[in-house]
Amino acid sequence: MAATSPVHRVARDHRLYVWFALLLPLLVLVGFARTYSLKGVFSGPALPSLLVHVHGAVMTSWVLLVVVQIWLVASRRTKVHQRLGIAGALLAILVVIIGIATAVQAAARGASPGPPALQFLVVPLIDMVLFSIFVGTALYFRRRLEIHKRLMLLAAATPLTAAVARIPFNFIFTGGPLVFFGLTDLCLIAFVLIDTFKHRKLHPVFLWGTILFIASQPLRLMLAGTNTWMQFATWLTAFAK
């Protein structure tokens, strides 16, 4: 029995990440159904620029890649997972570049889910900073599975805020950042708690990664109201006009 327990523990870990692989595309689909993924069904508005089309395609590709990579590990096809990781690194770079460009362009034309566009710009830009930190560190520790997989889960959770903010429930629209940040945090904390319960200890990656993830939210909202940020955002969006 003792000899098989590590196998059972790995299987339980796989199930946790498989559940994440199911939740991630579901939230993205629901959040962006009206404006992108099922826009034709809902007769949604036309996308404002080619860059937004590219951003949607890149982010969709990233979500699909995360799902495929989790499936490959769960099915023990680790060699394919490692080879595909090279393409994943290149795609992650595109996610950051296109994500920043799209956010700046949206702020330049005054697009925002609620707050003034220049103030809201801090939200997607910090998302891209966190995404870069988590993915970059995950690639550095790619040979240390216990660290790598948790960092990649944190990276994949970072863009979830944008999807959650667009889920068509009135309490999300009226609640603003407090609600869509809070819902995203609940999803992440649930996976961290499950992982902690299974291993009977909180992994340092989840401890410090979750602290960084959550602490960035009030900090970016505080930053958005400063003159320094407004001057920076005005300067940055001038290039997109």
Foldseek 3Di string as FASTA:
>chain_A
DVVCVVVVLVLVVLVLLLVVLVVLVVLLCLLCCCPPDVVVVNVHDDDPDVLVVVLVVLLVVLSVLSSVLSVCVSVVVVVVSVVVVVVNVVSLVVNLVSQLVVLLLCLLVQDDLDPTSLLCSLLSNVLSVLLCVLQVVLVVVVVVVVLNVLSVSLSSLSCSLSSQCRNPDVCSSVVPLVVSLVVSLVVLVVSQVVVCVSVVHRDPNSVVSSCVSNVVSVVSSVVSPDPVSSVVSVVSSVVSD
